[in-house]
Amino acid sequence: MNQHTRVWSLQEAKARLSEVIRLAKSEGPQLVTVHGKSAVTIAAASTEVQPERKLTGKDLWQALSAGPKFDLEIPERPKDGFFREVDL
C-alpha cells in the first residue's frame, strides 16, 4: 500500500466523499473498507474520458480506407433475376 493511501470506513467515506476524492487526486488511492475488510480503492482517473459521439458514414469510410488494400471484382447483375453468384 502506498504511504499516502488512507483507509476509510464506508460510513466515513460516504460522509466525507468530497475529501476522499480530493485526497485521491492529490495524494493517491484511498481504500474504503466494509466491516473492516478492503472493499474498493478510489483513485484519480488517469485520463479525461471523452464523451462518445455518434459514428457517421465518413468515419466508416476513413476506417475502411485505413485498412489493407485489396482487389474486388463484382460480377454484373443477371438480367433474368435479382441474384448473382459471388465467390468469396
C-alpha atoms as a PDB file:
ATOM      1  CA  MET A   1       0.000   0.000   0.000  1.00  0.00           C
ATOM      2  CA  ASN A   2       1.260   3.468  -0.907  1.00  0.00           C
ATOM      3  CA  GLN A   3       2.403   5.632   2.013  1.00  0.00           C
ATOM      4  CA  HIS A   4      -0.235   8.227   1.037  1.00  0.00           C
ATOM      5  CA  THR A   5      -3.069   5.708   0.911  1.00  0.00           C
ATOM      6  CA  ARG A   6      -5.560   6.277   3.670  1.00  0.00           C
ATOM      7  CA  VAL A   7      -8.070   3.706   4.895  1.00  0.00           C
ATOM      8  CA  TRP A   8     -11.678   4.860   5.274  1.00  0.00           C
ATOM      9  CA  SER A   9     -14.660   3.006   6.685  1.00  0.00           C
ATOM     10  CA  LEU A  10     -17.637   3.026   4.337  1.00  0.00           C
ATOM     11  CA  GLN A  11     -19.642   5.301   6.627  1.00  0.00           C
ATOM     12  CA  GLU A  12     -16.777   7.797   6.924  1.00  0.00           C
ATOM     13  CA  ALA A  13     -16.112   7.717   3.166  1.00  0.00           C
ATOM     14  CA  LYS A  14     -19.791   8.388   2.437  1.00  0.00           C
ATOM     15  CA  ALA A  15     -19.910  11.287   4.903  1.00  0.00           C
ATOM     16  CA  ARG A  16     -16.679  12.828   3.569  1.00  0.00           C
ATOM     17  CA  LEU A  17     -16.789  11.828  -0.092  1.00  0.00           C
ATOM     18  CA  SER A  18     -15.552  15.200  -1.369  1.00  0.00           C
ATOM     19  CA  GLU A  19     -12.470  14.920   0.841  1.00  0.00           C
ATOM     20  CA  VAL A  20     -11.850  11.309  -0.209  1.00  0.00           C
ATOM     21  CA  ILE A  21     -11.946  12.355  -3.872  1.00  0.00           C
ATOM     22  CA  ARG A  22      -9.721  15.388  -3.282  1.00  0.00           C
ATOM     23  CA  LEU A  23      -7.153  13.212  -1.479  1.00  0.00           C
ATOM     24  CA  ALA A  24      -7.304  10.560  -4.214  1.00  0.00           C
ATOM     25  CA  LYS A  25      -6.429  13.249  -6.755  1.00  0.00           C
ATOM     26  CA  SER A  26      -3.695  14.921  -4.696  1.00  0.00           C
ATOM     27  CA  GLU A  27      -2.163  12.136  -2.573  1.00  0.00           C
ATOM     28  CA  GLY A  28      -3.036   8.847  -4.230  1.00  0.00           C
ATOM     29  CA  PRO A  29      -5.524   5.985  -3.937  1.00  0.00           C
ATOM     30  CA  GLN A  30      -7.894   5.875  -0.975  1.00  0.00           C
ATOM     31  CA  LEU A  31      -9.000   2.494   0.413  1.00  0.00           C
ATOM     32  CA  VAL A  32     -12.599   2.010   1.602  1.00  0.00           C
ATOM     33  CA  THR A  33     -13.467  -0.871   3.906  1.00  0.00           C
ATOM     34  CA  VAL A  34     -16.743  -2.596   4.745  1.00  0.00           C
ATOM     35  CA  HIS A  35     -16.897  -4.333   8.127  1.00  0.00           C
ATOM     36  CA  GLY A  36     -13.124  -3.941   8.413  1.00  0.00           C
ATOM     37  CA  LYS A  37     -12.352  -5.702   5.121  1.00  0.00           C
ATOM     38  CA  SER A  38     -11.000  -3.989   1.993  1.00  0.00           C
ATOM     39  CA  ALA A  39     -13.836  -3.273  -0.414  1.00  0.00           C
ATOM     40  CA  VAL A  40     -12.784  -0.692  -3.006  1.00  0.00           C
ATOM     41  CA  THR A  41      -9.992   1.700  -3.814  1.00  0.00           C
ATOM     42  CA  ILE A  42     -10.838   5.178  -5.023  1.00  0.00           C
ATOM     43  CA  ALA A  43      -8.195   6.526  -7.390  1.00  0.00           C
ATOM     44  CA  ALA A  44      -7.948   9.552  -9.653  1.00  0.00           C
ATOM     45  CA  ALA A  45      -8.730   8.946 -13.308  1.00  0.00           C
ATOM     46  CA  SER A  46      -5.556   8.747 -15.377  1.00  0.00           C
ATOM     47  CA  THR A  47      -7.058  10.475 -18.435  1.00  0.00           C
ATOM     48  CA  GLU A  48     -10.078  12.528 -19.263  1.00  0.00           C
ATOM     49  CA  VAL A  49     -12.923  10.445 -20.628  1.00  0.00           C
ATOM     50  CA  GLN A  50     -14.236  11.868 -23.884  1.00  0.00           C
ATOM     51  CA  PRO A  51     -17.989  11.693 -24.380  1.00  0.00           C
ATOM     52  CA  GLU A  52     -18.997   9.231 -27.070  1.00  0.00           C
ATOM     53  CA  ARG A  53     -20.185  10.637 -30.340  1.00  0.00           C
ATOM     54  CA  LYS A  54     -22.301   9.021 -32.996  1.00  0.00           C
ATOM     55  CA  LEU A  55     -20.347   7.499 -35.857  1.00  0.00           C
ATOM     56  CA  THR A  56     -21.030   8.717 -39.354  1.00  0.00           C
ATOM     57  CA  GLY A  57     -20.560   7.397 -42.855  1.00  0.00           C
ATOM     58  CA  LYS A  58     -17.381   9.493 -43.023  1.00  0.00           C
ATOM     59  CA  ASP A  59     -15.992   7.557 -40.019  1.00  0.00           C
ATOM     60  CA  LEU A  60     -16.753   4.256 -41.783  1.00  0.00           C
ATOM     61  CA  TRP A  61     -15.095   5.496 -44.966  1.00  0.00           C
ATOM     62  CA  GLN A  62     -11.967   6.554 -43.046  1.00  0.00           C
ATOM     63  CA  ALA A  63     -11.772   3.206 -41.236  1.00  0.00           C
ATOM     64  CA  LEU A  64     -12.123   1.238 -44.472  1.00  0.00           C
ATOM     65  CA  SER A  65      -9.616   3.487 -46.248  1.00  0.00           C
ATOM     66  CA  ALA A  66      -7.058   2.926 -43.499  1.00  0.00           C
ATOM     67  CA  GLY A  67      -7.306  -0.863 -43.851  1.00  0.00           C
ATOM     68  CA  PRO A  68      -5.421  -3.145 -46.221  1.00  0.00           C
ATOM     69  CA  LYS A  69      -5.904  -2.633 -49.950  1.00  0.00           C
ATOM     70  CA  PHE A  70      -7.413  -5.455 -51.997  1.00  0.00           C
ATOM     71  CA  ASP A  71      -8.977  -6.033 -55.418  1.00  0.00           C
ATOM     72  CA  LEU A  72     -12.622  -6.963 -55.507  1.00  0.00           C
ATOM     73  CA  GLU A  73     -14.445  -7.896 -58.646  1.00  0.00           C
ATOM     74  CA  ILE A  74     -18.219  -7.758 -58.523  1.00  0.00           C
ATOM     75  CA  PRO A  75     -19.889  -9.571 -61.412  1.00  0.00           C
ATOM     76  CA  GLU A  76     -22.688  -7.877 -63.323  1.00  0.00           C
ATOM     77  CA  ARG A  77     -26.235  -8.463 -62.169  1.00  0.00           C
ATOM     78  CA  PRO A  78     -28.007 -11.171 -64.183  1.00  0.00           C
ATOM     79  CA  LYS A  79     -30.685  -9.834 -66.493  1.00  0.00           C
ATOM     80  CA  ASP A  80     -33.201 -12.529 -65.507  1.00  0.00           C
ATOM     81  CA  GLY A  81     -33.298 -12.013 -61.724  1.00  0.00           C
ATOM     82  CA  PHE A  82     -32.136 -10.161 -58.649  1.00  0.00           C
ATOM     83  CA  PHE A  83     -29.398 -12.572 -57.519  1.00  0.00           C
ATOM     84  CA  ARG A  84     -25.885 -13.218 -58.692  1.00  0.00           C
ATOM     85  CA  GLU A  85     -23.199 -15.751 -57.793  1.00  0.00           C
ATOM     86  CA  VAL A  86     -20.217 -14.364 -55.863  1.00  0.00           C
ATOM     87  CA  ASP A  87     -17.156 -16.439 -54.939  1.00  0.00           C
ATOM     88  CA  LEU A  88     -15.625 -15.306 -51.662  1.00  0.00           C
END
